[in-house]
Amino acid sequence: MSIGNVVGAAVHLADSIELLSPIVPTPFQGKECVADVLTKLLDTVDAFEPQLLLHNGADVVVVLTIRFGDHVIDAFDHIHLNKDGLIERMTVAWRPLPAVVAVQQRLVPKLGGKAMQLVPVDET
């Protein structure tokens, strides 16, 4: 399994896929919805740089560096495959928070949602 297939190819998504993402509090669900999110994410960021792919049975962990403008994001994606080898669940963890918020601000409006902002406690 190539990292390119894991990250973006809709043909490898189960119909009932669930994507847990740092950009919105509720999961994205269903093949069409998740394919749309992944497509728009790939159109939003500047680069995905695969660092490591670990595979153990039905579980895959992908370690990536994501570049977005001046931001560098460390990404760790846990992917669970169903019995047919299709992605049925993706859990995405990104850091640092300011870079995640920057991507969220650009991506979520494309998905019909509202952008968030990061505000220091002393400014609230």
N, C-alpha and C. Protein backbone atom coordinates (compact mmCIF):
# COMPACT_ATOMS: atom_id res chain seq x y z
N MET A 1 0.86 -1.18 0.00
CA MET A 1 0.00 0.00 0.00
C MET A 1 0.89 1.24 0.00
N SER A 2 0.69 2.12 -0.95
CA SER A 2 1.50 3.33 -1.01
C SER A 2 0.88 4.43 -0.17
N ILE A 3 1.72 5.36 0.29
CA ILE A 3 1.22 6.50 1.07
C ILE A 3 0.24 7.30 0.23
N GLY A 4 0.48 7.47 -1.05
CA GLY A 4 -0.45 8.20 -1.91
C GLY A 4 -1.84 7.58 -1.89
N ASN A 5 -1.91 6.25 -1.92
CA ASN A 5 -3.21 5.59 -1.85
C ASN A 5 -3.88 5.83 -0.51
N VAL A 6 -3.10 5.76 0.57
CA VAL A 6 -3.66 5.94 1.91
C VAL A 6 -4.18 7.35 2.08
N VAL A 7 -3.43 8.34 1.65
CA VAL A 7 -3.78 9.74 1.90
C VAL A 7 -4.93 10.22 1.04
N GLY A 8 -4.98 9.90 -0.23
CA GLY A 8 -5.95 10.60 -1.04
C GLY A 8 -6.83 9.83 -2.00
N ALA A 9 -6.63 8.57 -2.23
CA ALA A 9 -7.37 7.89 -3.29
C ALA A 9 -8.74 7.44 -2.79
N ALA A 10 -9.78 8.03 -3.32
CA ALA A 10 -11.14 7.73 -2.89
C ALA A 10 -11.52 6.27 -3.17
N VAL A 11 -10.88 5.64 -4.13
CA VAL A 11 -11.20 4.25 -4.43
C VAL A 11 -10.86 3.32 -3.28
N HIS A 12 -10.06 3.78 -2.32
CA HIS A 12 -9.67 2.95 -1.18
C HIS A 12 -10.47 3.27 0.08
N LEU A 13 -11.52 4.07 -0.06
CA LEU A 13 -12.35 4.43 1.08
C LEU A 13 -13.57 3.52 1.15
N ALA A 14 -13.86 3.01 2.35
CA ALA A 14 -15.09 2.24 2.55
C ALA A 14 -16.28 3.19 2.46
N ASP A 15 -17.42 2.68 2.06
CA ASP A 15 -18.62 3.52 1.96
C ASP A 15 -18.96 4.18 3.30
N SER A 16 -18.69 3.48 4.40
CA SER A 16 -19.06 3.99 5.73
C SER A 16 -17.88 4.61 6.48
N ILE A 17 -16.88 5.07 5.76
CA ILE A 17 -15.69 5.63 6.40
C ILE A 17 -16.04 6.77 7.36
N GLU A 18 -15.24 6.86 8.43
CA GLU A 18 -15.35 7.95 9.40
C GLU A 18 -13.98 8.60 9.51
N LEU A 19 -13.94 9.93 9.41
CA LEU A 19 -12.70 10.70 9.51
C LEU A 19 -12.80 11.61 10.72
N LEU A 20 -11.94 11.36 11.71
CA LEU A 20 -11.84 12.21 12.89
C LEU A 20 -10.67 13.15 12.65
N SER A 21 -10.96 14.43 12.61
CA SER A 21 -10.00 15.43 12.17
C SER A 21 -9.84 16.53 13.22
N PRO A 22 -8.67 17.16 13.26
CA PRO A 22 -8.48 18.27 14.19
C PRO A 22 -9.13 19.58 13.75
N ILE A 23 -9.72 19.60 12.54
CA ILE A 23 -10.24 20.88 12.04
C ILE A 23 -11.70 21.14 12.37
N VAL A 24 -12.44 20.10 12.76
CA VAL A 24 -13.82 20.27 13.21
C VAL A 24 -14.09 19.30 14.35
N PRO A 25 -15.01 19.64 15.26
CA PRO A 25 -15.23 18.78 16.43
C PRO A 25 -15.99 17.48 16.14
N THR A 26 -16.76 17.43 15.07
CA THR A 26 -17.52 16.21 14.76
C THR A 26 -16.86 15.48 13.59
N PRO A 27 -16.99 14.15 13.56
CA PRO A 27 -16.37 13.38 12.48
C PRO A 27 -17.04 13.64 11.13
N PHE A 28 -16.25 13.51 10.08
CA PHE A 28 -16.79 13.46 8.72
C PHE A 28 -17.16 12.01 8.48
N GLN A 29 -18.32 11.77 7.84
CA GLN A 29 -18.76 10.40 7.64
C GLN A 29 -19.23 10.16 6.21
N GLY A 30 -18.88 8.99 5.70
CA GLY A 30 -19.29 8.58 4.37
C GLY A 30 -18.23 8.85 3.32
N LYS A 31 -18.17 7.95 2.35
CA LYS A 31 -17.14 8.00 1.31
C LYS A 31 -17.15 9.31 0.53
N GLU A 32 -18.32 9.77 0.11
CA GLU A 32 -18.39 11.00 -0.68
C GLU A 32 -17.90 12.20 0.12
N CYS A 33 -18.34 12.30 1.36
CA CYS A 33 -17.94 13.42 2.22
C CYS A 33 -16.44 13.41 2.49
N VAL A 34 -15.91 12.26 2.88
CA VAL A 34 -14.48 12.17 3.21
C VAL A 34 -13.62 12.40 1.97
N ALA A 35 -14.03 11.88 0.83
CA ALA A 35 -13.28 12.13 -0.42
C ALA A 35 -13.25 13.62 -0.71
N ASP A 36 -14.37 14.32 -0.48
CA ASP A 36 -14.43 15.77 -0.70
C ASP A 36 -13.47 16.50 0.25
N VAL A 37 -13.47 16.10 1.51
CA VAL A 37 -12.57 16.72 2.49
C VAL A 37 -11.11 16.52 2.08
N LEU A 38 -10.75 15.29 1.73
CA LEU A 38 -9.36 15.00 1.36
C LEU A 38 -8.95 15.75 0.10
N THR A 39 -9.85 15.81 -0.87
CA THR A 39 -9.56 16.55 -2.11
C THR A 39 -9.33 18.03 -1.82
N LYS A 40 -10.21 18.62 -1.02
CA LYS A 40 -10.06 20.04 -0.70
C LYS A 40 -8.84 20.29 0.17
N LEU A 41 -8.51 19.35 1.05
CA LEU A 41 -7.29 19.49 1.85
C LEU A 41 -6.06 19.49 0.95
N LEU A 42 -6.01 18.57 0.01
CA LEU A 42 -4.87 18.50 -0.90
C LEU A 42 -4.75 19.75 -1.75
N ASP A 43 -5.89 20.38 -2.07
CA ASP A 43 -5.89 21.63 -2.83
C ASP A 43 -5.52 22.83 -1.97
N THR A 44 -5.60 22.69 -0.66
CA THR A 44 -5.38 23.81 0.27
C THR A 44 -3.94 23.92 0.71
N VAL A 45 -3.34 22.80 1.08
CA VAL A 45 -1.97 22.84 1.60
C VAL A 45 -0.96 22.86 0.45
N ASP A 46 0.25 23.28 0.77
CA ASP A 46 1.29 23.36 -0.26
C ASP A 46 1.96 22.02 -0.54
N ALA A 47 2.17 21.22 0.52
CA ALA A 47 2.88 19.95 0.32
C ALA A 47 2.59 18.97 1.43
N PHE A 48 2.52 17.71 1.06
CA PHE A 48 2.50 16.59 1.99
C PHE A 48 3.82 15.85 1.77
N GLU A 49 4.59 15.71 2.83
CA GLU A 49 5.88 15.03 2.72
C GLU A 49 5.86 13.80 3.62
N PRO A 50 5.65 12.62 3.04
CA PRO A 50 5.62 11.39 3.84
C PRO A 50 6.97 11.16 4.51
N GLN A 51 6.92 10.79 5.77
CA GLN A 51 8.14 10.51 6.53
C GLN A 51 8.26 9.03 6.89
N LEU A 52 7.10 8.42 7.24
CA LEU A 52 7.13 7.05 7.74
C LEU A 52 5.77 6.41 7.53
N LEU A 53 5.77 5.14 7.17
CA LEU A 53 4.55 4.37 7.04
C LEU A 53 4.74 3.08 7.83
N LEU A 54 3.87 2.87 8.83
CA LEU A 54 3.92 1.65 9.64
C LEU A 54 2.63 0.89 9.40
N HIS A 55 2.74 -0.42 9.18
CA HIS A 55 1.58 -1.23 8.87
C HIS A 55 1.60 -2.46 9.77
N ASN A 56 0.50 -2.69 10.49
CA ASN A 56 0.39 -3.85 11.36
C ASN A 56 -1.03 -4.39 11.25
N GLY A 57 -1.20 -5.47 10.52
CA GLY A 57 -2.53 -6.03 10.32
C GLY A 57 -3.43 -5.03 9.61
N ALA A 58 -4.55 -4.71 10.26
CA ALA A 58 -5.54 -3.80 9.66
C ALA A 58 -5.27 -2.34 10.00
N ASP A 59 -4.16 -2.07 10.66
CA ASP A 59 -3.86 -0.70 11.09
C ASP A 59 -2.61 -0.17 10.39
N VAL A 60 -2.73 1.11 9.98
CA VAL A 60 -1.64 1.81 9.31
C VAL A 60 -1.45 3.13 10.03
N VAL A 61 -0.20 3.49 10.28
CA VAL A 61 0.13 4.81 10.80
C VAL A 61 1.01 5.50 9.78
N VAL A 62 0.58 6.70 9.40
CA VAL A 62 1.34 7.51 8.44
C VAL A 62 1.85 8.73 9.18
N VAL A 63 3.14 8.98 9.11
CA VAL A 63 3.75 10.17 9.69
C VAL A 63 4.12 11.08 8.53
N LEU A 64 3.62 12.32 8.58
CA LEU A 64 3.80 13.27 7.48
C LEU A 64 4.28 14.61 7.99
N THR A 65 4.92 15.34 7.12
CA THR A 65 5.13 16.77 7.32
C THR A 65 4.24 17.47 6.30
N ILE A 66 3.43 18.42 6.78
CA ILE A 66 2.55 19.18 5.91
C ILE A 66 3.06 20.61 5.89
N ARG A 67 3.16 21.16 4.71
CA ARG A 67 3.60 22.56 4.57
C ARG A 67 2.42 23.39 4.06
N PHE A 68 2.23 24.53 4.73
CA PHE A 68 1.14 25.44 4.39
C PHE A 68 1.63 26.85 4.64
N GLY A 69 1.98 27.56 3.57
CA GLY A 69 2.56 28.89 3.74
C GLY A 69 3.82 28.79 4.58
N ASP A 70 3.90 29.60 5.63
CA ASP A 70 5.05 29.58 6.54
C ASP A 70 4.92 28.52 7.62
N HIS A 71 3.84 27.76 7.60
CA HIS A 71 3.58 26.78 8.65
C HIS A 71 4.11 25.40 8.27
N VAL A 72 4.61 24.70 9.28
CA VAL A 72 5.03 23.31 9.14
C VAL A 72 4.24 22.52 10.18
N ILE A 73 3.54 21.50 9.72
CA ILE A 73 2.70 20.69 10.60
C ILE A 73 3.27 19.28 10.66
N ASP A 74 3.39 18.77 11.89
CA ASP A 74 3.71 17.37 12.10
C ASP A 74 2.38 16.63 12.15
N ALA A 75 2.19 15.66 11.26
CA ALA A 75 0.92 14.95 11.16
C ALA A 75 1.13 13.47 11.43
N PHE A 76 0.20 12.92 12.19
CA PHE A 76 0.20 11.50 12.51
C PHE A 76 -1.20 10.99 12.24
N ASP A 77 -1.36 10.14 11.24
CA ASP A 77 -2.67 9.63 10.86
C ASP A 77 -2.73 8.13 11.19
N HIS A 78 -3.76 7.76 11.94
CA HIS A 78 -4.02 6.34 12.21
C HIS A 78 -5.16 5.91 11.29
N ILE A 79 -4.90 4.92 10.49
CA ILE A 79 -5.86 4.44 9.51
C ILE A 79 -6.19 2.99 9.83
N HIS A 80 -7.49 2.70 9.90
CA HIS A 80 -7.93 1.32 10.14
C HIS A 80 -8.63 0.81 8.88
N LEU A 81 -8.21 -0.36 8.43
CA LEU A 81 -8.76 -0.96 7.22
C LEU A 81 -9.81 -2.02 7.57
N ASN A 82 -10.84 -2.13 6.75
CA ASN A 82 -11.82 -3.17 6.98
C ASN A 82 -11.33 -4.49 6.39
N LYS A 83 -12.15 -5.52 6.46
CA LYS A 83 -11.74 -6.85 6.00
C LYS A 83 -11.44 -6.90 4.50
N ASP A 84 -11.97 -5.91 3.75
CA ASP A 84 -11.72 -5.83 2.31
C ASP A 84 -10.51 -4.95 1.96
N GLY A 85 -9.82 -4.44 2.99
CA GLY A 85 -8.66 -3.60 2.76
C GLY A 85 -8.99 -2.14 2.46
N LEU A 86 -10.25 -1.75 2.67
CA LEU A 86 -10.66 -0.36 2.44
C LEU A 86 -10.56 0.42 3.75
N ILE A 87 -10.28 1.70 3.64
CA ILE A 87 -10.14 2.55 4.82
C ILE A 87 -11.52 2.78 5.42
N GLU A 88 -11.71 2.32 6.68
CA GLU A 88 -13.01 2.51 7.33
C GLU A 88 -12.97 3.55 8.44
N ARG A 89 -11.76 3.91 8.90
CA ARG A 89 -11.66 4.94 9.94
C ARG A 89 -10.28 5.58 9.85
N MET A 90 -10.28 6.92 9.90
CA MET A 90 -9.03 7.67 9.93
C MET A 90 -9.09 8.62 11.13
N THR A 91 -8.05 8.58 11.93
CA THR A 91 -7.93 9.52 13.04
C THR A 91 -6.68 10.34 12.79
N VAL A 92 -6.85 11.65 12.70
CA VAL A 92 -5.78 12.56 12.32
C VAL A 92 -5.36 13.39 13.52
N ALA A 93 -4.06 13.44 13.77
CA ALA A 93 -3.50 14.28 14.83
C ALA A 93 -2.44 15.18 14.22
N TRP A 94 -2.59 16.49 14.43
CA TRP A 94 -1.64 17.47 13.89
C TRP A 94 -1.16 18.36 14.99
N ARG A 95 0.05 18.89 14.83
CA ARG A 95 0.60 19.89 15.73
C ARG A 95 1.58 20.74 14.94
N PRO A 96 1.87 21.93 15.31
CA PRO A 96 1.41 22.69 16.47
C PRO A 96 0.05 23.36 16.18
N LEU A 97 -0.63 23.73 17.26
CA LEU A 97 -1.98 24.26 17.17
C LEU A 97 -2.10 25.50 16.27
N PRO A 98 -1.20 26.49 16.35
CA PRO A 98 -1.36 27.65 15.46
C PRO A 98 -1.36 27.28 13.97
N ALA A 99 -0.56 26.32 13.59
CA ALA A 99 -0.54 25.88 12.19
C ALA A 99 -1.82 25.14 11.82
N VAL A 100 -2.34 24.34 12.75
CA VAL A 100 -3.60 23.63 12.52
C VAL A 100 -4.73 24.64 12.31
N VAL A 101 -4.77 25.67 13.15
CA VAL A 101 -5.80 26.70 13.03
C VAL A 101 -5.67 27.43 11.69
N ALA A 102 -4.46 27.68 11.24
CA ALA A 102 -4.26 28.34 9.95
C ALA A 102 -4.85 27.51 8.81
N VAL A 103 -4.63 26.21 8.82
CA VAL A 103 -5.21 25.34 7.80
C VAL A 103 -6.73 25.31 7.96
N GLN A 104 -7.21 25.20 9.20
CA GLN A 104 -8.64 25.17 9.46
C GLN A 104 -9.33 26.42 8.90
N GLN A 105 -8.70 27.57 9.09
CA GLN A 105 -9.28 28.83 8.62
C GLN A 105 -9.42 28.86 7.09
N ARG A 106 -8.54 28.21 6.39
CA ARG A 106 -8.60 28.19 4.93
C ARG A 106 -9.48 27.05 4.41
N LEU A 107 -9.45 25.89 5.08
CA LEU A 107 -10.13 24.70 4.58
C LEU A 107 -11.62 24.65 4.92
N VAL A 108 -11.96 24.91 6.17
CA VAL A 108 -13.34 24.71 6.61
C VAL A 108 -14.36 25.56 5.85
N PRO A 109 -14.08 26.82 5.52
CA PRO A 109 -15.05 27.55 4.69
C PRO A 109 -15.29 26.88 3.32
N LYS A 110 -14.29 26.23 2.76
CA LYS A 110 -14.47 25.50 1.51
C LYS A 110 -15.43 24.32 1.68
N LEU A 111 -15.54 23.85 2.93
CA LEU A 111 -16.41 22.72 3.24
C LEU A 111 -17.78 23.17 3.75
N GLY A 112 -17.99 24.49 3.76
CA GLY A 112 -19.27 25.02 4.21
C GLY A 112 -19.36 25.30 5.69
N GLY A 113 -18.23 25.24 6.41
CA GLY A 113 -18.22 25.48 7.84
C GLY A 113 -17.67 26.85 8.18
N LYS A 114 -17.53 27.09 9.47
CA LYS A 114 -17.01 28.37 9.94
C LYS A 114 -15.58 28.22 10.44
N ALA A 115 -14.77 29.19 10.08
CA ALA A 115 -13.37 29.20 10.52
C ALA A 115 -13.31 29.52 12.01
N MET A 116 -12.32 28.96 12.66
CA MET A 116 -12.06 29.23 14.07
C MET A 116 -10.86 30.18 14.17
N GLN A 117 -10.67 30.73 15.36
CA GLN A 117 -9.44 31.49 15.55
C GLN A 117 -8.85 31.14 16.90
N LEU A 118 -7.57 31.26 16.99
CA LEU A 118 -6.83 30.98 18.21
C LEU A 118 -6.59 32.31 18.89
N VAL A 119 -7.09 32.45 20.12
CA VAL A 119 -6.98 33.69 20.85
C VAL A 119 -6.31 33.41 22.20
N PRO A 120 -5.24 34.12 22.52
CA PRO A 120 -4.61 33.94 23.83
C PRO A 120 -5.59 34.24 24.96
N VAL A 121 -5.47 33.56 26.07
CA VAL A 121 -6.38 33.70 27.20
C VAL A 121 -6.47 35.15 27.67
N ASP A 122 -5.36 35.85 27.69
CA ASP A 122 -5.39 37.23 28.18
C ASP A 122 -6.07 38.20 27.22
N GLU A 123 -6.50 37.70 26.04
CA GLU A 123 -7.21 38.56 25.07
C GLU A 123 -8.70 38.25 25.02
N THR A 124 -9.17 37.35 25.87
CA THR A 124 -10.60 37.01 25.84
C THR A 124 -11.38 37.80 26.85
